[in-house]
C-alpha cells in the first residue's frame, strides 16, 4: 500500500464549559491531527497529538515542524504493508520527549491506515497477554467552585462512578472546600486521586498532608515540578500513611521513568499516549513497570478528540493490570468532536473495544475542516 499524501491539521476543539487545573483555565484546546491518504485515495488514516508545553515542551507549531522532519526519515514507511515497518520507524527516531506528541500522532495515523487497509482493528497488532474486554474509567473533576464540583459529583453519582480524580491548586482553602463537597456527596464511598500538575512547593505540600489523610486520598499525582529537590521529604510523609505518589510530567520517556522510580520518591506512574510518544514507547515503559512491579494508570490529555479517546481505549484494554483508567470524556467535555462515533464511556464508566477497522472510528471531513485553524499538505 502506497502512502500518497500526508496532511497535518491544527484543530481547535471547543469545550462544552471551561475546565480548569492549576496551570490552565481552558475553554478549548489546540491539538494536531495527522491525515494519511493512501492506496490511490481509497484509504484515510488519522492520528492525533495533544501538545502541552508544560508536559513535554511541545507547541502546536513545534509538533508540525517535528512531523515534517519525521516524514523525511529514511525509515518512514512510504510503502506500508506490515506493522513491523511502523515499529522500526518509531524505534529509529529520537527518544527525546520534545518529539513525543509528533511521534504519537504519526504512529497512530500509520496504524489506523494499515488497519483499515487490512480490515483489522489495531488491537490485533499488539500482544494480548494483559488484554481485557472491558475497563472502567474514572470521573475527572476540575479545579472549580464548590457549586460546580457538587454538580459534577451528582453527575458522577448518576453514572454510578465512584473512582474520582480531582484537580488541586495552590490555595489550601479552595482545595479543602472541594474535598468537603466530595465527602458530603459520596460519604466515604469513593476512590480518590488528586492531581496537582506540579505547582506546589514544600511549604504548600506540607500544609496539605493532614488534609490528604483526612479525606482518604489514595494517590497524589505530580505535586511538585519535575526536579524539585523537596519531593523526597514530601514523599516520605505521605507514604507513611499508605498514600501513593504518582509521577506524570516527571516521567515522559522510558529514561525519565527509570530515573523517577530509581530515585525512590514516586511509586506509581501515569502513562498517556500523547505524553509518552504513542503505543510503542508507552508499552516499553509499561513493560519496565511490570517487570519491576510498579503500579501505573492509563491516563489522557485534557481535551482529546475521539481519535485519542479511541487510541486510549486500545491501550487501556491491553492493560488489565492498570490501577486506574482516565479518558473517553468526549461527550462530557467537548462541544464538538471530529469523529462521527461517540467514544464516551457508559454507566459505571464501563467501556469495551470499538469494532470497526483501524482505530475503530471515522473522522467527519466536515467537522475536521471547520475545526481546523490551518493545514499543512505534504
Foldseek 3Di string as FASTA:
>chain_A
DAWDWKKKFWFKFAWPAWFAFAPDTDRIFTKIKIWIQDDPRPFIFIFIFGDDCLQQNEDPVLLVVLLVVLCPDPLPCRPDADLVSLLVSLVVDDQRLRHQRNLAGVSQRSLLRNQQVVQHESLVVDDQPAFDFKDFAAEEAGLDALVRLLVSLVVCVVLVAQEYEYHDYQDPVSVLSSLVSNCVSQVLRHAYEYEDSAHDAPVSLVVCQVVCVVSVHQEYENPHRAPRPCLQVSLVSNVVVNHFYEYESQPQFLVSLVVVVVVPSHQEYEQENNSNRHDSGSVVNVVVCVVVVGAYEYEYDPHDAVNSQLRSQSVVSSHNRHPHYHGLCHVVITPDHFWPDRSHAGRSRMDGHQNGTRSNIDGDPVVSVVRGPDMDMD
